[in-house]
C-alpha atoms as a PDB file:
ATOM      1  CA  UNK A   1      11.456  -0.357  -7.417  1.00  0.00           C
ATOM      2  CA  UNK A   2      10.391  -3.007  -4.737  1.00  0.00           C
ATOM      3  CA  UNK A   3       7.359  -2.060  -3.220  1.00  0.00           C
ATOM      4  CA  UNK A   4       5.132  -3.460  -0.525  1.00  0.00           C
ATOM      5  CA  UNK A   5       2.823  -6.021  -1.941  1.00  0.00           C
ATOM      6  CA  UNK A   6      -1.032  -5.335  -1.284  1.00  0.00           C
ATOM      7  CA  UNK A   7      -1.123  -8.957   0.500  1.00  0.00           C
ATOM      8  CA  UNK A   8       1.029 -10.977   2.692  1.00  0.00           C
ATOM      9  CA  UNK A   9       0.128 -14.451   3.628  1.00  0.00           C
ATOM     10  CA  UNK A  10      -0.851 -14.736   7.096  1.00  0.00           C
ATOM     11  CA  UNK A  11      -0.541 -18.534   8.252  1.00  0.00           C
ATOM     12  CA  UNK A  12      -2.325 -20.293  11.103  1.00  0.00           C
ATOM     13  CA  UNK A  13       0.185 -22.635  12.837  1.00  0.00           C
ATOM     14  CA  UNK A  14      -2.071 -25.237  13.312  1.00  0.00           C
ATOM     15  CA  UNK A  15      -0.988 -27.703  15.007  1.00  0.00           C
ATOM     16  CA  UNK A  16       0.785 -25.368  17.944  1.00  0.00           C
ATOM     17  CA  UNK A  17      -2.928 -23.558  18.078  1.00  0.00           C
ATOM     18  CA  UNK A  18      -6.140 -25.196  20.029  1.00  0.00           C
ATOM     19  CA  UNK A  19      -8.725 -23.871  21.970  1.00  0.00           C
ATOM     20  CA  UNK A  20      -6.618 -22.129  24.718  1.00  0.00           C
ATOM     21  CA  UNK A  21      -3.775 -20.105  21.695  1.00  0.00           C
ATOM     22  CA  UNK A  22      -3.815 -19.204  18.761  1.00  0.00           C
ATOM     23  CA  UNK A  23      -0.222 -19.207  17.151  1.00  0.00           C
ATOM     24  CA  UNK A  24      -0.234 -17.153  13.433  1.00  0.00           C
ATOM     25  CA  UNK A  25       2.911 -16.756  10.840  1.00  0.00           C
ATOM     26  CA  UNK A  26       3.268 -13.602   9.270  1.00  0.00           C
ATOM     27  CA  UNK A  27       5.168 -14.829   6.033  1.00  0.00           C
ATOM     28  CA  UNK A  28       6.857 -11.833   4.810  1.00  0.00           C
ATOM     29  CA  UNK A  29       9.401 -14.457   3.607  1.00  0.00           C
ATOM     30  CA  UNK A  30       6.926 -14.475   0.806  1.00  0.00           C
ATOM     31  CA  UNK A  31       7.510 -11.194  -0.083  1.00  0.00           C
ATOM     32  CA  UNK A  32      10.281 -11.862  -2.599  1.00  0.00           C
ATOM     33  CA  UNK A  33      12.415 -14.578  -3.737  1.00  0.00           C
ATOM     34  CA  UNK A  34      15.798 -12.584  -3.128  1.00  0.00           C
ATOM     35  CA  UNK A  35      15.164  -9.423  -1.091  1.00  0.00           C
ATOM     36  CA  UNK A  36      13.369 -12.161   1.448  1.00  0.00           C
ATOM     37  CA  UNK A  37      11.446 -11.143   4.800  1.00  0.00           C
ATOM     38  CA  UNK A  38      12.427  -8.447   6.962  1.00  0.00           C
ATOM     39  CA  UNK A  39      15.437  -7.094   5.003  1.00  0.00           C
ATOM     40  CA  UNK A  40      13.655  -4.527   2.562  1.00  0.00           C
ATOM     41  CA  UNK A  41      11.472  -3.279   5.242  1.00  0.00           C
ATOM     42  CA  UNK A  42      14.635  -2.359   7.225  1.00  0.00           C
ATOM     43  CA  UNK A  43      16.737  -1.119   3.676  1.00  0.00           C
ATOM     44  CA  UNK A  44      14.212   1.041   2.242  1.00  0.00           C
ATOM     45  CA  UNK A  45      14.605   4.242   4.271  1.00  0.00           C
ATOM     46  CA  UNK A  46      18.140   4.101   4.151  1.00  0.00           C
ATOM     47  CA  UNK A  47      17.794   3.930   0.262  1.00  0.00           C
ATOM     48  CA  UNK A  48      15.498   6.747   0.033  1.00  0.00           C
ATOM     49  CA  UNK A  49      17.987   8.786   2.438  1.00  0.00           C
ATOM     50  CA  UNK A  50      21.079   8.000  -0.019  1.00  0.00           C
ATOM     51  CA  UNK A  51      19.174   8.813  -3.018  1.00  0.00           C
ATOM     52  CA  UNK A  52      18.093  12.070  -1.129  1.00  0.00           C
ATOM     53  CA  UNK A  53      21.803  12.685  -0.607  1.00  0.00           C
ATOM     54  CA  UNK A  54      22.667  12.077  -3.839  1.00  0.00           C
ATOM     55  CA  UNK A  55      25.047   9.167  -3.017  1.00  0.00           C
ATOM     56  CA  UNK A  56      25.686   6.615  -5.905  1.00  0.00           C
ATOM     57  CA  UNK A  57      26.950   3.719  -3.838  1.00  0.00           C
ATOM     58  CA  UNK A  58      26.024   1.554  -0.801  1.00  0.00           C
ATOM     59  CA  UNK A  59      28.395   0.065   1.439  1.00  0.00           C
ATOM     60  CA  UNK A  60      27.744  -2.351   4.312  1.00  0.00           C
ATOM     61  CA  UNK A  61      29.027  -5.412   6.028  1.00  0.00           C
ATOM     62  CA  UNK A  62      28.421  -8.903   6.350  1.00  0.00           C
ATOM     63  CA  UNK A  63      29.527 -12.568   6.543  1.00  0.00           C
ATOM     64  CA  UNK A  64      29.591 -15.255   3.659  1.00  0.00           C
ATOM     65  CA  UNK A  65      25.973 -16.343   4.190  1.00  0.00           C
ATOM     66  CA  UNK A  66      24.475 -12.816   4.616  1.00  0.00           C
ATOM     67  CA  UNK A  67      20.952 -12.163   3.936  1.00  0.00           C
ATOM     68  CA  UNK A  68      21.729  -8.641   4.437  1.00  0.00           C
ATOM     69  CA  UNK A  69      24.454  -8.904   1.817  1.00  0.00           C
ATOM     70  CA  UNK A  70      22.474 -10.419  -1.043  1.00  0.00           C
ATOM     71  CA  UNK A  71      19.350  -8.211  -0.563  1.00  0.00           C
ATOM     72  CA  UNK A  72      21.218  -5.216  -0.299  1.00  0.00           C
ATOM     73  CA  UNK A  73      23.111  -6.332  -3.608  1.00  0.00           C
ATOM     74  CA  UNK A  74      19.680  -6.864  -5.578  1.00  0.00           C
ATOM     75  CA  UNK A  75      18.027  -3.991  -4.284  1.00  0.00           C
ATOM     76  CA  UNK A  76      21.023  -1.800  -5.179  1.00  0.00           C
ATOM     77  CA  UNK A  77      20.642  -3.153  -8.256  1.00  0.00           C
ATOM     78  CA  UNK A  78      17.107  -2.476  -9.044  1.00  0.00           C
ATOM     79  CA  UNK A  79      17.208   1.395  -7.428  1.00  0.00           C
ATOM     80  CA  UNK A  80      20.374   1.894  -9.929  1.00  0.00           C
ATOM     81  CA  UNK A  81      23.067   1.899  -7.546  1.00  0.00           C
ATOM     82  CA  UNK A  82      26.643   0.632  -7.484  1.00  0.00           C
ATOM     83  CA  UNK A  83      26.975  -1.509  -4.147  1.00  0.00           C
ATOM     84  CA  UNK A  84      30.173  -2.506  -1.603  1.00  0.00           C
ATOM     85  CA  UNK A  85      29.906  -5.496   0.472  1.00  0.00           C
ATOM     86  CA  UNK A  86      32.741  -5.348   3.376  1.00  0.00           C
ATOM     87  CA  UNK A  87      33.127  -9.123   4.008  1.00  0.00           C
ATOM     88  CA  UNK A  88      33.987 -10.445   7.212  1.00  0.00           C
ATOM     89  CA  UNK A  89      37.432 -13.277   6.737  1.00  0.00           C
ATOM     90  CA  UNK A  90      39.417 -13.889   4.249  1.00  0.00           C
ATOM     91  CA  UNK A  91      38.637 -14.442   0.418  1.00  0.00           C
ATOM     92  CA  UNK A  92      38.135 -18.467   0.176  1.00  0.00           C
ATOM     93  CA  UNK A  93      39.066 -20.365  -2.601  1.00  0.00           C
ATOM     94  CA  UNK A  94      35.330 -20.818  -3.787  1.00  0.00           C
ATOM     95  CA  UNK A  95      32.486 -17.975  -3.115  1.00  0.00           C
ATOM     96  CA  UNK A  96      29.466 -19.262  -0.960  1.00  0.00           C
ATOM     97  CA  UNK A  97      26.213 -19.412  -2.906  1.00  0.00           C
ATOM     98  CA  UNK A  98      25.171 -16.022  -1.333  1.00  0.00           C
ATOM     99  CA  UNK A  99      28.728 -14.130  -2.706  1.00  0.00           C
ATOM    100  CA  UNK A 100      28.537 -15.112  -5.664  1.00  0.00           C
ATOM    101  CA  UNK A 101      24.829 -14.344  -5.986  1.00  0.00           C
ATOM    102  CA  UNK A 102      25.981 -11.090  -4.557  1.00  0.00           C
ATOM    103  CA  UNK A 103      28.480 -10.376  -7.346  1.00  0.00           C
ATOM    104  CA  UNK A 104      26.039 -11.196  -9.928  1.00  0.00           C
ATOM    105  CA  UNK A 105      23.732  -8.503  -9.105  1.00  0.00           C
ATOM    106  CA  UNK A 106      26.782  -6.288  -9.528  1.00  0.00           C
ATOM    107  CA  UNK A 107      28.347  -5.944  -6.074  1.00  0.00           C
ATOM    108  CA  UNK A 108      31.831  -5.419  -5.431  1.00  0.00           C
ATOM    109  CA  UNK A 109      33.467  -7.300  -2.881  1.00  0.00           C
ATOM    110  CA  UNK A 110      35.895  -6.706  -0.576  1.00  0.00           C
ATOM    111  CA  UNK A 111      37.210  -9.323   2.128  1.00  0.00           C
ATOM    112  CA  UNK A 112      38.861  -8.141   5.472  1.00  0.00           C
ATOM    113  CA  UNK A 113      40.143 -10.005   8.656  1.00  0.00           C
ATOM    114  CA  UNK A 114      37.575 -10.993  11.580  1.00  0.00           C
ATOM    115  CA  UNK A 115      39.794  -8.595  13.568  1.00  0.00           C
ATOM    116  CA  UNK A 116      39.120  -5.511  11.077  1.00  0.00           C
ATOM    117  CA  UNK A 117      35.442  -6.394  11.057  1.00  0.00           C
ATOM    118  CA  UNK A 118      35.369  -5.282  14.406  1.00  0.00           C
ATOM    119  CA  UNK A 119      36.804  -2.294  13.769  1.00  0.00           C
ATOM    120  CA  UNK A 120      34.288  -0.792  11.220  1.00  0.00           C
ATOM    121  CA  UNK A 121      34.877   2.863  11.753  1.00  0.00           C
ATOM    122  CA  UNK A 122      38.469   2.070  10.829  1.00  0.00           C
ATOM    123  CA  UNK A 123      37.637   0.241   7.744  1.00  0.00           C
ATOM    124  CA  UNK A 124      35.377   2.964   6.517  1.00  0.00           C
ATOM    125  CA  UNK A 125      37.979   5.358   6.693  1.00  0.00           C
ATOM    126  CA  UNK A 126      40.229   2.951   4.479  1.00  0.00           C
ATOM    127  CA  UNK A 127      38.152   2.085   1.878  1.00  0.00           C
ATOM    128  CA  UNK A 128      35.466   4.545   2.070  1.00  0.00           C
ATOM    129  CA  UNK A 129      34.431   7.560  -0.608  1.00  0.00           C
ATOM    130  CA  UNK A 130      32.516  10.502  -0.425  1.00  0.00           C
ATOM    131  CA  UNK A 131      29.987   9.130  -2.734  1.00  0.00           C
ATOM    132  CA  UNK A 132      29.283   6.248  -0.336  1.00  0.00           C
ATOM    133  CA  UNK A 133      26.693   5.919   1.807  1.00  0.00           C
ATOM    134  CA  UNK A 134      27.174   3.252   4.486  1.00  0.00           C
ATOM    135  CA  UNK A 135      24.348   0.821   5.789  1.00  0.00           C
ATOM    136  CA  UNK A 136      25.539  -1.091   9.285  1.00  0.00           C
ATOM    137  CA  UNK A 137      25.123  -4.949   9.337  1.00  0.00           C
ATOM    138  CA  UNK A 138      21.885  -6.210   9.583  1.00  0.00           C
ATOM    139  CA  UNK A 139      20.656  -2.763   8.696  1.00  0.00           C
ATOM    140  CA  UNK A 140      20.971  -1.495  12.468  1.00  0.00           C
ATOM    141  CA  UNK A 141      20.136   1.982  12.947  1.00  0.00           C
ATOM    142  CA  UNK A 142      17.236   4.448  13.371  1.00  0.00           C
ATOM    143  CA  UNK A 143      16.121   4.296   9.516  1.00  0.00           C
ATOM    144  CA  UNK A 144      15.988   0.660   9.451  1.00  0.00           C
ATOM    145  CA  UNK A 145      13.994   0.378  12.831  1.00  0.00           C
ATOM    146  CA  UNK A 146      11.629   3.216  11.388  1.00  0.00           C
ATOM    147  CA  UNK A 147      11.589   0.718   8.243  1.00  0.00           C
ATOM    148  CA  UNK A 148      10.952  -2.451  10.114  1.00  0.00           C
ATOM    149  CA  UNK A 149       8.077  -0.459  11.911  1.00  0.00           C
ATOM    150  CA  UNK A 150       6.048  -0.892   8.681  1.00  0.00           C
ATOM    151  CA  UNK A 151       6.159  -4.292   8.444  1.00  0.00           C
ATOM    152  CA  UNK A 152       3.238  -3.967  10.814  1.00  0.00           C
ATOM    153  CA  UNK A 153       1.464  -1.912   8.134  1.00  0.00           C
ATOM    154  CA  UNK A 154       0.438  -5.215   6.142  1.00  0.00           C
ATOM    155  CA  UNK A 155      -2.155  -6.200   8.438  1.00  0.00           C
ATOM    156  CA  UNK A 156      -3.975  -5.169  11.422  1.00  0.00           C
ATOM    157  CA  UNK A 157      -2.519  -6.657  14.368  1.00  0.00           C
ATOM    158  CA  UNK A 158      -3.961  -5.124  17.133  1.00  0.00           C
ATOM    159  CA  UNK A 159      -6.096  -8.165  18.307  1.00  0.00           C
ATOM    160  CA  UNK A 160      -2.470  -9.845  19.096  1.00  0.00           C
ATOM    161  CA  UNK A 161      -1.616 -10.612  22.702  1.00  0.00           C
ATOM    162  CA  UNK A 162       2.104 -11.227  21.958  1.00  0.00           C
ATOM    163  CA  UNK A 163       4.243 -10.762  18.972  1.00  0.00           C
ATOM    164  CA  UNK A 164       7.527 -12.870  18.604  1.00  0.00           C
ATOM    165  CA  UNK A 165      10.194 -12.880  16.527  1.00  0.00           C
ATOM    166  CA  UNK A 166      14.261 -13.724  16.311  1.00  0.00           C
ATOM    167  CA  UNK A 167      16.456 -11.319  17.308  1.00  0.00           C
ATOM    168  CA  UNK A 168      19.999 -10.827  15.755  1.00  0.00           C
ATOM    169  CA  UNK A 169      20.725  -6.832  15.768  1.00  0.00           C
ATOM    170  CA  UNK A 170      17.681  -5.614  17.594  1.00  0.00           C
ATOM    171  CA  UNK A 171      16.522  -3.661  14.606  1.00  0.00           C
ATOM    172  CA  UNK A 172      13.348  -5.717  13.604  1.00  0.00           C
ATOM    173  CA  UNK A 173      12.260  -5.741  16.936  1.00  0.00           C
ATOM    174  CA  UNK A 174      12.945  -2.172  17.588  1.00  0.00           C
ATOM    175  CA  UNK A 175      10.098  -1.691  14.752  1.00  0.00           C
ATOM    176  CA  UNK A 176       7.886  -4.045  16.058  1.00  0.00           C
ATOM    177  CA  UNK A 177       8.135  -2.427  19.744  1.00  0.00           C
ATOM    178  CA  UNK A 178       7.005   1.122  17.524  1.00  0.00           C
ATOM    179  CA  UNK A 179       4.005  -0.189  16.429  1.00  0.00           C
ATOM    180  CA  UNK A 180       2.745  -2.148  19.297  1.00  0.00           C
ATOM    181  CA  UNK A 181      -0.202  -0.904  21.929  1.00  0.00           C
ATOM    182  CA  UNK A 182       0.416  -1.183  25.985  1.00  0.00           C
ATOM    183  CA  UNK A 183      -2.161  -4.162  25.762  1.00  0.00           C
ATOM    184  CA  UNK A 184       0.664  -6.084  23.696  1.00  0.00           C
ATOM    185  CA  UNK A 185       3.733  -7.648  24.587  1.00  0.00           C
ATOM    186  CA  UNK A 186       6.706  -8.076  22.121  1.00  0.00           C
ATOM    187  CA  UNK A 187       9.164 -10.996  22.627  1.00  0.00           C
ATOM    188  CA  UNK A 188      12.292 -11.172  20.791  1.00  0.00           C
ATOM    189  CA  UNK A 189      14.397 -14.776  20.639  1.00  0.00           C
ATOM    190  CA  UNK A 190      18.209 -14.263  20.856  1.00  0.00           C
ATOM    191  CA  UNK A 191      19.492 -16.309  18.588  1.00  0.00           C
ATOM    192  CA  UNK A 192      23.746 -15.138  19.649  1.00  0.00           C
ATOM    193  CA  UNK A 193      24.978 -16.541  22.876  1.00  0.00           C
ATOM    194  CA  UNK A 194      25.308 -14.233  25.883  1.00  0.00           C
ATOM    195  CA  UNK A 195      24.274 -11.439  23.782  1.00  0.00           C
ATOM    196  CA  UNK A 196      23.135  -9.941  26.939  1.00  0.00           C
ATOM    197  CA  UNK A 197      23.655  -6.008  25.328  1.00  0.00           C
ATOM    198  CA  UNK A 198      20.777  -6.773  22.717  1.00  0.00           C
ATOM    199  CA  UNK A 199      18.420  -4.796  25.347  1.00  0.00           C
ATOM    200  CA  UNK A 200      20.182  -2.068  25.475  1.00  0.00           C
ATOM    201  CA  UNK A 201      20.823  -1.672  21.369  1.00  0.00           C
ATOM    202  CA  UNK A 202      17.185  -2.308  21.169  1.00  0.00           C
ATOM    203  CA  UNK A 203      16.569   0.532  23.624  1.00  0.00           C
ATOM    204  CA  UNK A 204      18.866   2.808  21.335  1.00  0.00           C
ATOM    205  CA  UNK A 205      16.498   2.441  18.528  1.00  0.00           C
ATOM    206  CA  UNK A 206      13.219   3.708  20.764  1.00  0.00           C
ATOM    207  CA  UNK A 207      11.911   6.853  21.794  1.00  0.00           C
ATOM    208  CA  UNK A 208      11.739   7.222  25.770  1.00  0.00           C
ATOM    209  CA  UNK A 209       7.874   6.481  25.773  1.00  0.00           C
ATOM    210  CA  UNK A 210       8.287   3.317  23.366  1.00  0.00           C
ATOM    211  CA  UNK A 211      10.980   1.991  25.659  1.00  0.00           C
ATOM    212  CA  UNK A 212       8.158   1.958  28.503  1.00  0.00           C
ATOM    213  CA  UNK A 213       6.219  -0.625  26.391  1.00  0.00           C
ATOM    214  CA  UNK A 214       6.111  -4.038  27.135  1.00  0.00           C
ATOM    215  CA  UNK A 215       8.545  -6.270  25.476  1.00  0.00           C
ATOM    216  CA  UNK A 216      11.386  -9.100  26.466  1.00  0.00           C
ATOM    217  CA  UNK A 217      14.302 -10.742  24.882  1.00  0.00           C
ATOM    218  CA  UNK A 218      14.564 -14.838  25.948  1.00  0.00           C
ATOM    219  CA  UNK A 219      18.282 -15.909  25.610  1.00  0.00           C
ATOM    220  CA  UNK A 220      17.604 -19.698  25.850  1.00  0.00           C
ATOM    221  CA  UNK A 221      17.352 -20.631  22.660  1.00  0.00           C
ATOM    222  CA  UNK A 222      20.677 -20.030  20.494  1.00  0.00           C
ATOM    223  CA  UNK A 223      21.207 -23.574  20.246  1.00  0.00           C
ATOM    224  CA  UNK A 224      25.248 -22.773  21.182  1.00  0.00           C
ATOM    225  CA  UNK A 225      25.627 -19.313  19.247  1.00  0.00           C
ATOM    226  CA  UNK A 226      25.061 -17.229  15.942  1.00  0.00           C
ATOM    227  CA  UNK A 227      24.517 -19.674  13.542  1.00  0.00           C
ATOM    228  CA  UNK A 228      25.081 -23.097  15.540  1.00  0.00           C
ATOM    229  CA  UNK A 229      22.918 -26.037  14.425  1.00  0.00           C
ATOM    230  CA  UNK A 230      22.827 -29.220  16.524  1.00  0.00           C
ATOM    231  CA  UNK A 231      20.945 -31.977  15.473  1.00  0.00           C
ATOM    232  CA  UNK A 232      18.075 -31.268  17.612  1.00  0.00           C
ATOM    233  CA  UNK A 233      17.454 -28.328  15.845  1.00  0.00           C
ATOM    234  CA  UNK A 234      17.757 -29.435  12.045  1.00  0.00           C
ATOM    235  CA  UNK A 235      15.228 -32.312  13.270  1.00  0.00           C
ATOM    236  CA  UNK A 236      13.011 -29.564  14.548  1.00  0.00           C
ATOM    237  CA  UNK A 237      13.355 -27.679  11.094  1.00  0.00           C
ATOM    238  CA  UNK A 238      12.638 -31.120   9.171  1.00  0.00           C
ATOM    239  CA  UNK A 239       9.489 -31.695  11.478  1.00  0.00           C
ATOM    240  CA  UNK A 240       7.956 -28.288  10.939  1.00  0.00           C
ATOM    241  CA  UNK A 241       8.281 -28.642   7.854  1.00  0.00           C
ATOM    242  CA  UNK A 242       6.627 -31.902   7.238  1.00  0.00           C
ATOM    243  CA  UNK A 243       3.759 -30.292   9.775  1.00  0.00           C
ATOM    244  CA  UNK A 244       3.395 -26.953   8.166  1.00  0.00           C
ATOM    245  CA  UNK A 245       5.391 -26.995   4.527  1.00  0.00           C
ATOM    246  CA  UNK A 246       7.254 -23.802   5.967  1.00  0.00           C
ATOM    247  CA  UNK A 247      10.993 -23.468   5.890  1.00  0.00           C
ATOM    248  CA  UNK A 248      12.896 -22.519   8.548  1.00  0.00           C
ATOM    249  CA  UNK A 249      16.699 -21.538   8.988  1.00  0.00           C
ATOM    250  CA  UNK A 250      19.482 -22.699  11.049  1.00  0.00           C
ATOM    251  CA  UNK A 251      20.174 -18.576  12.144  1.00  0.00           C
ATOM    252  CA  UNK A 252      16.699 -17.058  12.771  1.00  0.00           C
ATOM    253  CA  UNK A 253      13.514 -18.728  12.156  1.00  0.00           C
ATOM    254  CA  UNK A 254      13.935 -22.529  12.631  1.00  0.00           C
ATOM    255  CA  UNK A 255      14.927 -21.057  16.482  1.00  0.00           C
ATOM    256  CA  UNK A 256      11.699 -18.971  16.454  1.00  0.00           C
ATOM    257  CA  UNK A 257       9.811 -21.568  15.993  1.00  0.00           C
ATOM    258  CA  UNK A 258      11.079 -24.149  18.466  1.00  0.00           C
ATOM    259  CA  UNK A 259      11.064 -21.095  20.777  1.00  0.00           C
ATOM    260  CA  UNK A 260       7.621 -20.639  20.588  1.00  0.00           C
ATOM    261  CA  UNK A 261       6.791 -24.559  20.751  1.00  0.00           C
ATOM    262  CA  UNK A 262       8.806 -24.979  24.086  1.00  0.00           C
ATOM    263  CA  UNK A 263       7.194 -21.668  25.435  1.00  0.00           C
ATOM    264  CA  UNK A 264       3.673 -23.182  24.680  1.00  0.00           C
ATOM    265  CA  UNK A 265       4.489 -26.730  26.079  1.00  0.00           C
ATOM    266  CA  UNK A 266       5.794 -24.898  29.406  1.00  0.00           C
ATOM    267  CA  UNK A 267       2.778 -22.606  29.667  1.00  0.00           C
ATOM    268  CA  UNK A 268       4.421 -19.354  29.002  1.00  0.00           C
ATOM    269  CA  UNK A 269       1.720 -17.960  27.411  1.00  0.00           C
ATOM    270  CA  UNK A 270      -1.650 -17.367  29.252  1.00  0.00           C
ATOM    271  CA  UNK A 271      -4.924 -18.663  28.016  1.00  0.00           C
ATOM    272  CA  UNK A 272      -6.382 -17.160  25.414  1.00  0.00           C
ATOM    273  CA  UNK A 273      -3.347 -15.564  23.859  1.00  0.00           C
ATOM    274  CA  UNK A 274      -3.354 -14.917  20.182  1.00  0.00           C
ATOM    275  CA  UNK A 275       0.695 -15.139  19.059  1.00  0.00           C
ATOM    276  CA  UNK A 276       1.940 -13.172  15.808  1.00  0.00           C
ATOM    277  CA  UNK A 277       5.185 -14.682  14.896  1.00  0.00           C
ATOM    278  CA  UNK A 278       7.211 -12.876  12.214  1.00  0.00           C
ATOM    279  CA  UNK A 279       8.640 -15.168   9.461  1.00  0.00           C
ATOM    280  CA  UNK A 280      11.761 -12.803   8.683  1.00  0.00           C
ATOM    281  CA  UNK A 281      12.986 -14.686   5.770  1.00  0.00           C
ATOM    282  CA  UNK A 282      16.042 -15.431   4.717  1.00  0.00           C
ATOM    283  CA  UNK A 283      17.396 -18.979   4.359  1.00  0.00           C
ATOM    284  CA  UNK A 284      20.724 -17.889   2.999  1.00  0.00           C
ATOM    285  CA  UNK A 285      22.390 -20.001   6.234  1.00  0.00           C
ATOM    286  CA  UNK A 286      20.806 -23.238   5.373  1.00  0.00           C
ATOM    287  CA  UNK A 287      23.083 -23.096   2.145  1.00  0.00           C
ATOM    288  CA  UNK A 288      26.237 -23.936   4.223  1.00  0.00           C
ATOM    289  CA  UNK A 289      24.636 -27.425   5.288  1.00  0.00           C
ATOM    290  CA  UNK A 290      25.385 -30.449   3.354  1.00  0.00           C
ATOM    291  CA  UNK A 291      23.020 -31.681   1.404  1.00  0.00           C
ATOM    292  CA  UNK A 292      20.606 -34.036   2.824  1.00  0.00           C
ATOM    293  CA  UNK A 293      20.456 -32.687   6.524  1.00  0.00           C
ATOM    294  CA  UNK A 294      17.026 -30.499   5.700  1.00  0.00           C
ATOM    295  CA  UNK A 295      14.228 -32.063   3.980  1.00  0.00           C
ATOM    296  CA  UNK A 296      13.342 -28.815   2.146  1.00  0.00           C
ATOM    297  CA  UNK A 297      15.738 -26.286   0.157  1.00  0.00           C
END
């Protein structure tokens, strides 16, 4: 079984911090080498519920380089549960490293067309069984947000004025909002292009009181859309590695740290701000890159 370690590194981002603003990075990417970052936090209460309901198989959706899929496969193996991955797109001649790893952890893969992937309820009816417990893609849902809220149980975050995270499904952001106080602001960096409905999706995971807390989602740092990675982003990730020796990924954390850097340069944060960035882990997306584009693995 996986449990939260007693210590998760909190790393000062020295080249971004000065006498006016402090930037720290919560390294939950170091929580586990496979279930990296926020994945287990989002999965934990779903797994408890599945076991309570006496389900023997966990099924979920994802893509060829999904951090969620490989984390789910490994975690289910640890819990003695079978796992099913419904994978977006036709089966390729050669599976990605991510999907190969999922198979090694015992996951059965089912490939469906991209159009079918958008009709998830129909897919559940076609393939699902009574003994299966379904988890939404990326762990989106009330239990996922509740689990994500426990990320902030790993440290005393009350002194931070701003908590900043990358946003895909919005599950982690909703969890962070749940644990903040009225003096703090949660800032989400959307990694999808024109994903303006994400605010509504985050609010759907919050109570009425939580929805009144201070949070904002910024949409200017997607670099063209989900997993898009122009040369500017890759260069930034390489520079960030050289400066801090912290790996980031093309889907989430590279864009997160680029956004924080740009916001600091444009005086978005007031003097005296203390910023906590969340390294949500998961470098699977980098495996889609050609060798040599990044200076780290």
